[in-house]
Amino acid sequence: MICSDAFKTTADAMAGVQGAPGYQYLTTPHPVAGLTPEQVRERAQDVVDEVARLLAR
């Protein structure tokens, strides 16, 4: 999962409620809404290596 950093507390709480405390996910700077497609691509480039690392676990 990737969420904006403003939702980290909520993501951690939801992971705990779902029985997965410590679930690893990635964050990107908030806000995301309102970004241009190019800005979204830039954000994706910033986390692509970490996405690959999590998927390879």
C-alpha atoms as a PDB file:
ATOM      1  CA  MET A   1       0.000   0.000   0.000  1.00  0.00           C
ATOM      2  CA  ILE A   2       1.071   3.564  -0.643  1.00  0.00           C
ATOM      3  CA  CYS A   3      -0.628   6.428   1.160  1.00  0.00           C
ATOM      4  CA  SER A   4       0.162  10.041   1.803  1.00  0.00           C
ATOM      5  CA  ASP A   5       2.037  10.732   5.003  1.00  0.00           C
ATOM      6  CA  ALA A   6      -0.961  12.541   6.492  1.00  0.00           C
ATOM      7  CA  PHE A   7      -2.695   9.158   6.781  1.00  0.00           C
ATOM      8  CA  LYS A   8       0.132   7.221   8.453  1.00  0.00           C
ATOM      9  CA  THR A   9      -1.597   7.123  11.847  1.00  0.00           C
ATOM     10  CA  THR A  10      -4.806   5.886  10.235  1.00  0.00           C
ATOM     11  CA  ALA A  11      -2.943   3.277   8.178  1.00  0.00           C
ATOM     12  CA  ASP A  12      -1.168   1.976  11.291  1.00  0.00           C
ATOM     13  CA  ALA A  13      -4.469   1.788  13.174  1.00  0.00           C
ATOM     14  CA  MET A  14      -6.190  -0.049  10.324  1.00  0.00           C
ATOM     15  CA  ALA A  15      -3.324  -2.538  10.109  1.00  0.00           C
ATOM     16  CA  GLY A  16      -3.706  -3.242  13.814  1.00  0.00           C
ATOM     17  CA  VAL A  17      -7.483  -3.665  13.537  1.00  0.00           C
ATOM     18  CA  GLN A  18      -6.973  -6.093  10.663  1.00  0.00           C
ATOM     19  CA  GLY A  19      -4.535  -8.166  12.705  1.00  0.00           C
ATOM     20  CA  ALA A  20      -1.391  -6.985  10.937  1.00  0.00           C
ATOM     21  CA  PRO A  21       0.387  -4.629  13.354  1.00  0.00           C
ATOM     22  CA  GLY A  22       3.651  -3.425  11.886  1.00  0.00           C
ATOM     23  CA  TYR A  23       2.389  -3.901   8.315  1.00  0.00           C
ATOM     24  CA  GLN A  24       4.907  -2.325   5.980  1.00  0.00           C
ATOM     25  CA  TYR A  25       3.680   0.251   3.505  1.00  0.00           C
ATOM     26  CA  LEU A  26       5.056   3.297   1.810  1.00  0.00           C
ATOM     27  CA  THR A  27       4.163   6.949   2.132  1.00  0.00           C
ATOM     28  CA  THR A  28       4.375   9.904  -0.173  1.00  0.00           C
ATOM     29  CA  PRO A  29       4.141  13.569   0.816  1.00  0.00           C
ATOM     30  CA  HIS A  30       0.672  14.976   1.361  1.00  0.00           C
ATOM     31  CA  PRO A  31      -1.314  16.183  -0.496  1.00  0.00           C
ATOM     32  CA  VAL A  32      -1.750  13.945  -3.522  1.00  0.00           C
ATOM     33  CA  ALA A  33      -5.111  15.237  -4.731  1.00  0.00           C
ATOM     34  CA  GLY A  34      -4.606  18.021  -7.197  1.00  0.00           C
ATOM     35  CA  LEU A  35      -1.257  16.826  -8.516  1.00  0.00           C
ATOM     36  CA  THR A  36      -0.725  16.869 -12.241  1.00  0.00           C
ATOM     37  CA  PRO A  37      -0.059  13.559 -14.008  1.00  0.00           C
ATOM     38  CA  GLU A  38       3.610  14.540 -14.273  1.00  0.00           C
ATOM     39  CA  GLN A  39       3.813  15.232 -10.546  1.00  0.00           C
ATOM     40  CA  VAL A  40       2.238  11.838  -9.823  1.00  0.00           C
ATOM     41  CA  ARG A  41       4.863  10.187 -12.055  1.00  0.00           C
ATOM     42  CA  GLU A  42       7.588  12.013 -10.123  1.00  0.00           C
ATOM     43  CA  ARG A  43       6.159  10.765  -6.834  1.00  0.00           C
ATOM     44  CA  ALA A  44       6.017   7.234  -8.232  1.00  0.00           C
ATOM     45  CA  GLN A  45       9.669   7.446  -9.276  1.00  0.00           C
ATOM     46  CA  ASP A  46      10.543   8.451  -5.714  1.00  0.00           C
ATOM     47  CA  VAL A  47       9.123   5.199  -4.292  1.00  0.00           C
ATOM     48  CA  VAL A  48       9.592   2.679  -7.120  1.00  0.00           C
ATOM     49  CA  ASP A  49      12.727   1.121  -5.601  1.00  0.00           C
ATOM     50  CA  GLU A  50      10.995   0.672  -2.258  1.00  0.00           C
ATOM     51  CA  VAL A  51       7.939  -0.857  -3.965  1.00  0.00           C
ATOM     52  CA  ALA A  52      10.218  -3.400  -5.650  1.00  0.00           C
ATOM     53  CA  ARG A  53      11.946  -4.143  -2.335  1.00  0.00           C
ATOM     54  CA  LEU A  54       8.650  -4.782  -0.542  1.00  0.00           C
ATOM     55  CA  LEU A  55       7.342  -6.961  -3.350  1.00  0.00           C
ATOM     56  CA  ALA A  56      10.519  -9.049  -3.393  1.00  0.00           C
ATOM     57  CA  ARG A  57      10.302  -9.872   0.325  1.00  0.00           C
END
